[in-house]
Amino acid sequence: MGIEKHRNILDYTLLSLLRRKFKNIGIILVFTFVIFIVGSILFLSYSFKREAYLILKGSPEIVVHRMMAGRHELTLLSYMKDIIEIPGVSKVEPRYWGYYYDSMTKANYTILSMGETVMKTSRLLKGRLPEINEKNSAAIGKGVARARFIDIGNVFSLQSADGSQMVFNIVGIFETDSELMTADLIVLSESDFKRLVKMPEGMATDLAIYVYNETEALTVARKIRERFPDSRPILRDEIIRTYDAVFGWRSGLVLTLFIGALAAFIILAWDKATGLSAEEKQEIGILKAIGWETSDILEMKFWEGLVISLTSFLPGIILAYLHVFFFGASLFAPALKGWSVIYPEYRLAPFINFYQVATLMAITVIPYIASTIIPSWKASITEPDIVMRG
């Protein structure tokens, strides 16, 4: 008997929603749009943060830059001898990297010299990495391969700092857990890198510092700063926190651009919370007059709010997922990526933070259901004749 009663209430709720289908369709469309906007931003922001974490998880505990007039300068290799003597330091490795703007594809590539970090953390879709001392060979990211329409066995050229053309044989194409890490990457031998950018002898872009115990990284960084006042040690944890802060701030900025849609939803929920229409009040009065209890009316309104909110929430989340992971988040990616939009195109790996999804549901679905139930409760505890008279 109890199950049959609840089923009948649900049936009546669905029929009631169909009677006001045009109004409810309007509510669902607005609700879905709000979920789509917020969900897309949350998915995109979290995916960028996860991509950044994948990139940085294998990076050295400390990176040392040399500063001059507040700007990053080439670092002296002579620093390595003193740094390796600091207690807790296990290895110091020079890094050679930089950026190359390709006028042909209007893309900005990251050029990187071969080193132990590249050999340990990278794997290839096909082919191989160039040998450390191999000349005129390169491994490239899939984004570069797409932009230049090249594959293994082909050649491509880059213009060196002195204006001459350097031709490279493609010996490998990268595949990693994060395409963002290698989409724009070109890996060269150390000698080719130095010839391309005209790197002075005794210099490196920066120094990678590895420590035995990660908890000692801060102490090691402080000692490096004391020995070399013109240096700037950067901890890996600081870089990760910076990425989190940047993408969090940018996602908040994008949300403000759609404040109108959010305001429309808030007004919609507020309108439902502050009162019922004359038709809805009359319906509640009739139901009370024919024997419905207050609990039955509240259950009906609960199902009504749940049906509308879930009918909006699920398509909104699905559309947000498709928008971000299948269509490249074309609406929001430029604002969140910033200057990196000149990269060759890449596809984000699907990452979903279910805590964020649950939070989104809590701040949209639950308030909407509450805004449906509360005014109905007020009407249901009033005498039927008073409710029907308005």
Foldseek 3Di string as FASTA:
>chain_A
DVVVLLVVLLVVLVVVCVVVVVVLVVLLVLLLVVLQLLLLLQQQLVLLLVLVCLLLVLAFQKWKFFADPRDTDWDFPVLQVVLCPPPFWDDKDFWAKDWAQDPVLRFIAIETADDPSCVPAWDFPDFDADDQPDPQEKEAEPLVCVSVVDDAQDKDWDQAPVGDIRIHGYGTYTDHPWSVNGNRYIYDHPVRSCRRHVDDPRTGSIMGIHGPDSVCSVVSQVVSCVVPVRMHMDGSVNVSVVSSVLSVVLSVVSVVVVVVSVVVLVVVLVVLQVADDLVVLLVLLVCVVVPDALVSQLSSLLSNLQVSNVSSNVSSNVSSQCCVQVVVVVVRVCSSVPPNVSHRDDGGDRDDDVVVSVVVCVVRSVSSSVSRRNNSSVSNVDNSVVSNVD
